[in-house]
């Protein structure tokens, strides 16, 4: 548990340091993500992004546990 928390903390620090470059990636603007803008209303459903992130996290956790 301690090792997992240290790894998660380091990953968060790395993501924070790399944020200016990570913001340029098309994550969140993929085909399949739904964005509806109306006057006074915005609806955003990142369906494709959520699926890809879920697969990525599952693969990472699967490799760490092996």
N, C-alpha and C. Protein backbone atom coordinates (compact mmCIF):
# COMPACT_ATOMS: atom_id res chain seq x y z
N UNK A 1 0.82 -1.19 0.00
CA UNK A 1 0.00 0.00 0.00
C UNK A 1 0.87 1.26 0.00
N UNK A 2 1.95 1.23 0.77
CA UNK A 2 2.84 2.38 0.84
C UNK A 2 3.48 2.65 -0.52
N UNK A 3 3.91 1.57 -1.18
CA UNK A 3 4.55 1.73 -2.48
C UNK A 3 3.58 2.31 -3.50
N UNK A 4 2.33 1.87 -3.45
CA UNK A 4 1.32 2.38 -4.37
C UNK A 4 1.08 3.86 -4.14
N UNK A 5 1.00 4.29 -2.90
CA UNK A 5 0.79 5.71 -2.60
C UNK A 5 1.97 6.56 -3.05
N UNK A 6 3.17 6.05 -2.89
CA UNK A 6 4.36 6.79 -3.35
C UNK A 6 4.34 6.92 -4.87
N UNK A 7 4.00 5.85 -5.55
CA UNK A 7 3.94 5.89 -7.02
C UNK A 7 2.86 6.85 -7.49
N UNK A 8 1.69 6.82 -6.86
CA UNK A 8 0.63 7.75 -7.22
C UNK A 8 1.03 9.20 -6.96
N UNK A 9 1.71 9.44 -5.86
CA UNK A 9 2.19 10.79 -5.55
C UNK A 9 3.20 11.27 -6.58
N UNK A 10 4.12 10.41 -6.95
CA UNK A 10 5.11 10.79 -7.97
C UNK A 10 4.45 11.03 -9.33
N UNK A 11 3.44 10.23 -9.65
CA UNK A 11 2.72 10.42 -10.91
C UNK A 11 1.99 11.76 -10.91
N UNK A 12 1.40 12.14 -9.78
CA UNK A 12 0.72 13.43 -9.70
C UNK A 12 1.70 14.60 -9.82
N UNK A 13 2.86 14.48 -9.19
CA UNK A 13 3.88 15.52 -9.30
C UNK A 13 4.35 15.64 -10.74
N UNK A 14 4.60 14.50 -11.39
CA UNK A 14 5.04 14.51 -12.78
C UNK A 14 3.97 15.13 -13.69
N UNK A 15 2.71 14.78 -13.46
CA UNK A 15 1.63 15.36 -14.27
C UNK A 15 1.53 16.87 -14.03
N UNK A 16 1.74 17.30 -12.81
CA UNK A 16 1.71 18.74 -12.52
C UNK A 16 2.84 19.49 -13.19
N UNK A 17 4.02 18.89 -13.21
CA UNK A 17 5.16 19.54 -13.86
C UNK A 17 5.02 19.56 -15.38
N UNK A 18 4.41 18.52 -15.93
CA UNK A 18 4.26 18.42 -17.38
C UNK A 18 2.95 19.00 -17.90
N UNK A 19 2.17 19.62 -17.03
CA UNK A 19 0.84 20.10 -17.40
C UNK A 19 0.84 21.05 -18.61
N UNK A 20 1.79 21.99 -18.74
CA UNK A 20 1.75 22.87 -19.92
C UNK A 20 1.82 22.09 -21.24
N UNK A 21 2.54 20.99 -21.27
CA UNK A 21 2.66 20.19 -22.49
C UNK A 21 1.51 19.20 -22.61
N UNK A 22 1.03 18.69 -21.48
CA UNK A 22 -0.08 17.75 -21.52
C UNK A 22 -1.37 18.41 -21.98
N UNK A 23 -1.51 19.71 -21.73
CA UNK A 23 -2.70 20.44 -22.15
C UNK A 23 -2.83 20.55 -23.65
N UNK A 24 -1.74 20.35 -24.36
CA UNK A 24 -1.77 20.44 -25.83
C UNK A 24 -2.21 19.13 -26.48
N UNK A 25 -2.25 18.05 -25.72
CA UNK A 25 -2.69 16.76 -26.26
C UNK A 25 -4.18 16.80 -26.56
N UNK A 26 -4.64 16.03 -27.54
CA UNK A 26 -6.07 16.08 -27.89
C UNK A 26 -6.97 15.30 -26.93
N UNK A 27 -6.47 14.97 -25.74
CA UNK A 27 -7.31 14.26 -24.76
C UNK A 27 -8.47 15.17 -24.37
N UNK A 28 -9.67 14.67 -24.46
CA UNK A 28 -10.85 15.47 -24.15
C UNK A 28 -11.49 16.07 -25.37
N UNK A 29 -10.83 15.95 -26.52
CA UNK A 29 -11.39 16.47 -27.76
C UNK A 29 -11.35 15.38 -28.84
N UNK A 30 -11.60 14.16 -28.43
CA UNK A 30 -11.54 13.02 -29.34
C UNK A 30 -12.89 12.82 -30.02
N UNK A 31 -12.87 12.16 -31.19
CA UNK A 31 -14.16 11.81 -31.81
C UNK A 31 -14.92 10.86 -30.87
N UNK A 32 -16.15 11.12 -30.66
CA UNK A 32 -16.95 10.32 -29.73
C UNK A 32 -17.22 11.06 -28.43
N UNK A 33 -16.47 12.13 -28.16
CA UNK A 33 -16.75 12.99 -27.01
C UNK A 33 -17.88 13.94 -27.42
N UNK A 34 -18.87 14.06 -26.58
CA UNK A 34 -20.06 14.85 -26.92
C UNK A 34 -19.95 16.22 -26.27
N UNK A 35 -20.11 17.26 -27.09
CA UNK A 35 -20.10 18.64 -26.61
C UNK A 35 -21.29 19.36 -27.22
N UNK A 36 -22.18 19.82 -26.36
CA UNK A 36 -23.36 20.56 -26.80
C UNK A 36 -23.31 21.93 -26.14
N UNK A 37 -23.31 22.97 -26.98
CA UNK A 37 -23.29 24.35 -26.47
C UNK A 37 -24.56 25.07 -26.92
N UNK A 38 -25.25 25.59 -25.98
CA UNK A 38 -26.43 26.40 -26.23
C UNK A 38 -26.26 27.69 -25.43
N UNK A 39 -27.10 28.63 -25.66
CA UNK A 39 -27.03 29.88 -24.93
C UNK A 39 -27.31 29.63 -23.44
N UNK A 40 -26.31 29.88 -22.61
CA UNK A 40 -26.46 29.70 -21.17
C UNK A 40 -26.36 28.26 -20.71
N UNK A 41 -25.92 27.36 -21.60
CA UNK A 41 -25.88 25.94 -21.24
C UNK A 41 -24.76 25.25 -22.02
N UNK A 42 -23.98 24.45 -21.34
CA UNK A 42 -22.94 23.64 -21.97
C UNK A 42 -22.99 22.25 -21.37
N UNK A 43 -23.03 21.24 -22.23
CA UNK A 43 -23.01 19.85 -21.80
C UNK A 43 -21.83 19.17 -22.45
N UNK A 44 -21.01 18.50 -21.63
CA UNK A 44 -19.83 17.81 -22.14
C UNK A 44 -19.80 16.41 -21.56
N UNK A 45 -19.72 15.40 -22.43
CA UNK A 45 -19.65 14.00 -22.01
C UNK A 45 -18.45 13.36 -22.72
N UNK A 46 -17.33 13.21 -22.02
CA UNK A 46 -16.13 12.65 -22.65
C UNK A 46 -16.16 11.12 -22.70
N UNK A 47 -17.00 10.58 -23.56
CA UNK A 47 -17.20 9.13 -23.61
C UNK A 47 -15.93 8.42 -24.10
N UNK A 48 -15.41 8.82 -25.26
CA UNK A 48 -14.22 8.17 -25.82
C UNK A 48 -13.01 8.37 -24.92
N UNK A 49 -12.84 9.55 -24.40
CA UNK A 49 -11.71 9.82 -23.51
C UNK A 49 -11.79 8.95 -22.26
N UNK A 50 -12.97 8.81 -21.70
CA UNK A 50 -13.14 7.96 -20.52
C UNK A 50 -12.83 6.50 -20.79
N UNK A 51 -13.24 6.01 -21.96
CA UNK A 51 -12.95 4.62 -22.32
C UNK A 51 -11.45 4.42 -22.49
N UNK A 52 -10.79 5.33 -23.19
CA UNK A 52 -9.34 5.20 -23.40
C UNK A 52 -8.56 5.29 -22.09
N UNK A 53 -8.95 6.20 -21.22
CA UNK A 53 -8.27 6.31 -19.93
C UNK A 53 -8.51 5.08 -19.07
N UNK A 54 -9.70 4.52 -19.13
CA UNK A 54 -10.01 3.31 -18.39
C UNK A 54 -9.14 2.15 -18.87
N UNK A 55 -8.99 2.00 -20.17
CA UNK A 55 -8.14 0.94 -20.72
C UNK A 55 -6.70 1.16 -20.31
N UNK A 56 -6.21 2.40 -20.40
CA UNK A 56 -4.83 2.70 -20.04
C UNK A 56 -4.56 2.40 -18.57
N UNK A 57 -5.45 2.82 -17.69
CA UNK A 57 -5.27 2.58 -16.25
C UNK A 57 -5.35 1.08 -15.95
N UNK A 58 -6.25 0.37 -16.62
CA UNK A 58 -6.35 -1.08 -16.42
C UNK A 58 -5.07 -1.79 -16.83
N UNK A 59 -4.49 -1.40 -17.95
CA UNK A 59 -3.23 -2.01 -18.41
C UNK A 59 -2.10 -1.70 -17.44
N UNK A 60 -2.02 -0.48 -16.97
CA UNK A 60 -0.98 -0.09 -16.03
C UNK A 60 -1.12 -0.89 -14.74
N UNK A 61 -2.31 -0.98 -14.19
CA UNK A 61 -2.51 -1.73 -12.95
C UNK A 61 -2.26 -3.23 -13.16
N UNK A 62 -2.61 -3.76 -14.32
CA UNK A 62 -2.37 -5.16 -14.61
C UNK A 62 -0.87 -5.45 -14.65
N UNK A 63 -0.09 -4.55 -15.25
CA UNK A 63 1.36 -4.77 -15.31
C UNK A 63 2.02 -4.58 -13.95
N UNK A 64 1.50 -3.68 -13.13
CA UNK A 64 2.09 -3.47 -11.81
C UNK A 64 1.83 -4.67 -10.91
N UNK A 65 0.69 -5.29 -11.01
CA UNK A 65 0.34 -6.41 -10.16
C UNK A 65 1.02 -7.70 -10.57
N UNK A 66 1.55 -7.80 -11.77
CA UNK A 66 2.22 -9.03 -12.23
C UNK A 66 3.56 -9.14 -11.65
